[in-house]
Amino acid sequence: MFYYMNNEMQHQLENMKDEYNFELVIDYLDKKTPEEQDEQFEEQFPKVFYLEDYDSKIPNIVEKIYGFVKTNEDIACFIKYTSSQHTMMKPSDCDDDNLMGFMMLFSFDYFQILHECLNSIYKYNEVTQICSDKIKKFVK
């Protein structure tokens, strides 16, 4: 079953292109050594938010993206997996238990796959079968 956002939500997600670079190539996991992977992640992660370094506005951008993709079955599956792998305490002002799991998807282990899925939703309004298969392979 495919997930499609309504036209208004899709338009709002497209308007986030100035805050999150859905089309940036994220390939740090393709590097040969752990050191190269770490270095590439540190470089690519802030750039996807059009930043040079980590900034306090990143969580707000992540929360906005979450609002658009949280009902996608593949993303929900990925969130459930990360939540089961990591014990997290949510802040008292957070009403949604899954938001913290979604934020974990922006960590080193998951970010490359998540970004590919977000790119797919941005371009095609769905998680492609390739992305879906990557998530399913990862969570097994």
C-alpha atoms as a PDB file:
ATOM      1  CA  MET A   1       0.000   0.000   0.000  1.00  0.00           C
ATOM      2  CA  PHE A   2       1.406   3.361  -0.991  1.00  0.00           C
ATOM      3  CA  TYR A   3       1.121   6.508   1.062  1.00  0.00           C
ATOM      4  CA  TYR A   4       0.303   9.755  -0.678  1.00  0.00           C
ATOM      5  CA  MET A   5       0.137  13.178   0.911  1.00  0.00           C
ATOM      6  CA  ASN A   6      -2.709  15.403  -0.136  1.00  0.00           C
ATOM      7  CA  ASN A   7      -1.788  18.258  -2.478  1.00  0.00           C
ATOM      8  CA  GLU A   8      -1.666  20.858   0.300  1.00  0.00           C
ATOM      9  CA  MET A   9       0.706  18.786   2.453  1.00  0.00           C
ATOM     10  CA  GLN A  10       2.880  17.995  -0.566  1.00  0.00           C
ATOM     11  CA  HIS A  11       3.050  21.706  -1.388  1.00  0.00           C
ATOM     12  CA  GLN A  12       4.020  22.529   2.218  1.00  0.00           C
ATOM     13  CA  LEU A  13       6.750  19.880   2.166  1.00  0.00           C
ATOM     14  CA  GLU A  14       8.058  21.284  -1.114  1.00  0.00           C
ATOM     15  CA  ASN A  15       8.182  24.718   0.537  1.00  0.00           C
ATOM     16  CA  MET A  16      10.626  23.283   3.086  1.00  0.00           C
ATOM     17  CA  LYS A  17      13.278  23.018   0.377  1.00  0.00           C
ATOM     18  CA  ASP A  18      14.875  26.198   1.758  1.00  0.00           C
ATOM     19  CA  GLU A  19      15.313  24.572   5.168  1.00  0.00           C
ATOM     20  CA  TYR A  20      16.124  20.980   4.199  1.00  0.00           C
ATOM     21  CA  ASN A  21      17.984  19.971   1.059  1.00  0.00           C
ATOM     22  CA  PHE A  22      16.012  16.906  -0.011  1.00  0.00           C
ATOM     23  CA  GLU A  23      18.169  16.496  -3.109  1.00  0.00           C
ATOM     24  CA  LEU A  24      21.618  16.630  -1.492  1.00  0.00           C
ATOM     25  CA  VAL A  25      23.552  13.423  -2.075  1.00  0.00           C
ATOM     26  CA  ILE A  26      24.118  11.697   1.265  1.00  0.00           C
ATOM     27  CA  ASP A  27      26.638   8.905   0.856  1.00  0.00           C
ATOM     28  CA  TYR A  28      28.750   8.730   4.006  1.00  0.00           C
ATOM     29  CA  LEU A  29      28.003   5.029   4.551  1.00  0.00           C
ATOM     30  CA  ASP A  30      29.501   4.290   1.133  1.00  0.00           C
ATOM     31  CA  LYS A  31      32.984   5.279   2.326  1.00  0.00           C
ATOM     32  CA  LYS A  32      35.455   2.472   2.987  1.00  0.00           C
ATOM     33  CA  THR A  33      36.703   3.182   6.489  1.00  0.00           C
ATOM     34  CA  PRO A  34      34.816   4.135   9.649  1.00  0.00           C
ATOM     35  CA  GLU A  35      36.976   7.263   9.891  1.00  0.00           C
ATOM     36  CA  GLU A  36      36.003   8.361   6.371  1.00  0.00           C
ATOM     37  CA  GLN A  37      32.356   7.630   7.148  1.00  0.00           C
ATOM     38  CA  ASP A  38      32.478   9.720  10.334  1.00  0.00           C
ATOM     39  CA  GLU A  39      34.195  12.595   8.575  1.00  0.00           C
ATOM     40  CA  GLN A  40      31.743  12.536   5.674  1.00  0.00           C
ATOM     41  CA  PHE A  41      28.727  12.355   8.036  1.00  0.00           C
ATOM     42  CA  GLU A  42      29.989  15.355  10.011  1.00  0.00           C
ATOM     43  CA  GLU A  43      30.298  17.273   6.746  1.00  0.00           C
ATOM     44  CA  GLN A  44      27.032  16.176   5.129  1.00  0.00           C
ATOM     45  CA  PHE A  45      24.680  16.313   8.106  1.00  0.00           C
ATOM     46  CA  PRO A  46      24.646  20.097   8.631  1.00  0.00           C
ATOM     47  CA  LYS A  47      24.725  20.751   4.882  1.00  0.00           C
ATOM     48  CA  VAL A  48      21.382  19.023   4.429  1.00  0.00           C
ATOM     49  CA  PHE A  49      20.006  21.857   6.593  1.00  0.00           C
ATOM     50  CA  TYR A  50      22.024  24.475   4.643  1.00  0.00           C
ATOM     51  CA  LEU A  51      24.359  24.961   7.610  1.00  0.00           C
ATOM     52  CA  GLU A  52      28.098  24.670   8.147  1.00  0.00           C
ATOM     53  CA  ASP A  53      27.826  23.294  11.689  1.00  0.00           C
ATOM     54  CA  TYR A  54      25.170  21.863  13.974  1.00  0.00           C
ATOM     55  CA  ASP A  55      22.632  24.522  14.928  1.00  0.00           C
ATOM     56  CA  SER A  56      19.789  24.650  17.443  1.00  0.00           C
ATOM     57  CA  LYS A  57      17.242  25.156  14.648  1.00  0.00           C
ATOM     58  CA  ILE A  58      17.801  21.604  13.338  1.00  0.00           C
ATOM     59  CA  PRO A  59      15.318  19.978  15.785  1.00  0.00           C
ATOM     60  CA  ASN A  60      12.602  22.421  14.699  1.00  0.00           C
ATOM     61  CA  ILE A  61      13.157  21.550  11.042  1.00  0.00           C
ATOM     62  CA  VAL A  62      13.137  17.826  11.874  1.00  0.00           C
ATOM     63  CA  GLU A  63       9.856  18.267  13.753  1.00  0.00           C
ATOM     64  CA  LYS A  64       8.299  20.019  10.742  1.00  0.00           C
ATOM     65  CA  ILE A  65       9.371  17.189   8.429  1.00  0.00           C
ATOM     66  CA  TYR A  66       7.988  14.659  10.901  1.00  0.00           C
ATOM     67  CA  GLY A  67       4.582  16.324  10.669  1.00  0.00           C
ATOM     68  CA  PHE A  68       4.496  15.553   6.947  1.00  0.00           C
ATOM     69  CA  VAL A  69       5.792  11.982   6.959  1.00  0.00           C
ATOM     70  CA  LYS A  70       4.690  10.473  10.290  1.00  0.00           C
ATOM     71  CA  THR A  71       1.741   8.573   8.796  1.00  0.00           C
ATOM     72  CA  ASN A  72       3.807   6.962   6.052  1.00  0.00           C
ATOM     73  CA  GLU A  73       3.873   3.200   6.762  1.00  0.00           C
ATOM     74  CA  ASP A  74       7.557   2.779   5.900  1.00  0.00           C
ATOM     75  CA  ILE A  75       8.637   5.761   7.982  1.00  0.00           C
ATOM     76  CA  ALA A  76       6.407   4.573  10.861  1.00  0.00           C
ATOM     77  CA  CYS A  77       8.041   1.136  10.663  1.00  0.00           C
ATOM     78  CA  PHE A  78      11.491   2.729  10.771  1.00  0.00           C
ATOM     79  CA  ILE A  79      10.477   4.912  13.745  1.00  0.00           C
ATOM     80  CA  LYS A  80       9.118   1.882  15.599  1.00  0.00           C
ATOM     81  CA  TYR A  81      12.397   0.074  15.014  1.00  0.00           C
ATOM     82  CA  THR A  82      14.585   2.920  16.285  1.00  0.00           C
ATOM     83  CA  SER A  83      12.336   3.425  19.290  1.00  0.00           C
ATOM     84  CA  SER A  84      12.696  -0.263  20.177  1.00  0.00           C
ATOM     85  CA  GLN A  85      16.496  -0.111  19.821  1.00  0.00           C
ATOM     86  CA  HIS A  86      17.062   2.980  21.968  1.00  0.00           C
ATOM     87  CA  THR A  87      15.690   3.930  25.358  1.00  0.00           C
ATOM     88  CA  MET A  88      14.694   7.543  25.123  1.00  0.00           C
ATOM     89  CA  MET A  89      13.043   9.954  27.473  1.00  0.00           C
ATOM     90  CA  LYS A  90      10.907  12.446  25.684  1.00  0.00           C
ATOM     91  CA  PRO A  91      10.844  16.034  26.863  1.00  0.00           C
ATOM     92  CA  SER A  92       7.803  16.992  28.910  1.00  0.00           C
ATOM     93  CA  ASP A  93       6.628  19.362  26.164  1.00  0.00           C
ATOM     94  CA  CYS A  94       6.574  16.580  23.561  1.00  0.00           C
ATOM     95  CA  ASP A  95       3.105  15.114  23.056  1.00  0.00           C
ATOM     96  CA  ASP A  96       4.051  12.545  20.419  1.00  0.00           C
ATOM     97  CA  ASP A  97       5.932   9.427  21.546  1.00  0.00           C
ATOM     98  CA  ASN A  98       7.135   8.751  17.999  1.00  0.00           C
ATOM     99  CA  LEU A  99       8.783  12.127  17.470  1.00  0.00           C
ATOM    100  CA  MET A 100      11.861  11.114  19.459  1.00  0.00           C
ATOM    101  CA  GLY A 101      12.138   7.929  17.397  1.00  0.00           C
ATOM    102  CA  PHE A 102      11.960  10.016  14.236  1.00  0.00           C
ATOM    103  CA  MET A 103      14.691  12.304  15.552  1.00  0.00           C
ATOM    104  CA  MET A 104      16.860   9.222  16.114  1.00  0.00           C
ATOM    105  CA  LEU A 105      16.589   8.513  12.387  1.00  0.00           C
ATOM    106  CA  PHE A 106      18.817  11.553  11.854  1.00  0.00           C
ATOM    107  CA  SER A 107      21.672   9.831  13.697  1.00  0.00           C
ATOM    108  CA  PHE A 108      24.649   8.217  11.984  1.00  0.00           C
ATOM    109  CA  ASP A 109      23.251   4.683  11.758  1.00  0.00           C
ATOM    110  CA  TYR A 110      20.002   5.635  10.031  1.00  0.00           C
ATOM    111  CA  PHE A 111      20.370   9.000   8.363  1.00  0.00           C
ATOM    112  CA  GLN A 112      21.483   7.898   4.906  1.00  0.00           C
ATOM    113  CA  ILE A 113      18.464   5.598   4.489  1.00  0.00           C
ATOM    114  CA  LEU A 114      16.073   8.155   5.994  1.00  0.00           C
ATOM    115  CA  HIS A 115      17.340  10.891   3.699  1.00  0.00           C
ATOM    116  CA  GLU A 116      16.829   8.678   0.664  1.00  0.00           C
ATOM    117  CA  CYS A 117      13.236   8.087   1.794  1.00  0.00           C
ATOM    118  CA  LEU A 118      12.638  11.794   2.375  1.00  0.00           C
ATOM    119  CA  ASN A 119      14.036  12.529  -1.074  1.00  0.00           C
ATOM    120  CA  SER A 120      11.650   9.955  -2.518  1.00  0.00           C
ATOM    121  CA  ILE A 121       8.637  11.471  -0.731  1.00  0.00           C
ATOM    122  CA  TYR A 122       9.731  14.949  -1.831  1.00  0.00           C
ATOM    123  CA  LYS A 123      10.110  13.939  -5.496  1.00  0.00           C
ATOM    124  CA  TYR A 124       7.403  11.316  -5.955  1.00  0.00           C
ATOM    125  CA  ASN A 125       5.049  11.774  -2.980  1.00  0.00           C
ATOM    126  CA  GLU A 126       5.813   8.225  -1.873  1.00  0.00           C
ATOM    127  CA  VAL A 127       8.564   6.023  -0.520  1.00  0.00           C
ATOM    128  CA  THR A 128       9.838   4.117  -3.521  1.00  0.00           C
ATOM    129  CA  GLN A 129      10.006   0.353  -3.417  1.00  0.00           C
ATOM    130  CA  ILE A 130      13.812   0.551  -3.286  1.00  0.00           C
ATOM    131  CA  CYS A 131      13.659   2.701  -0.136  1.00  0.00           C
ATOM    132  CA  SER A 132      10.972   0.515   1.375  1.00  0.00           C
ATOM    133  CA  ASP A 133      13.116  -2.567   0.781  1.00  0.00           C
ATOM    134  CA  LYS A 134      16.120  -0.891   2.419  1.00  0.00           C
ATOM    135  CA  ILE A 135      14.060  -0.108   5.509  1.00  0.00           C
ATOM    136  CA  LYS A 136      12.685  -3.662   5.673  1.00  0.00           C
ATOM    137  CA  LYS A 137      16.176  -5.113   5.297  1.00  0.00           C
ATOM    138  CA  PHE A 138      17.473  -2.810   8.026  1.00  0.00           C
ATOM    139  CA  VAL A 139      14.767  -3.557  10.583  1.00  0.00           C
ATOM    140  CA  LYS A 140      14.942  -7.345  10.254  1.00  0.00           C
END
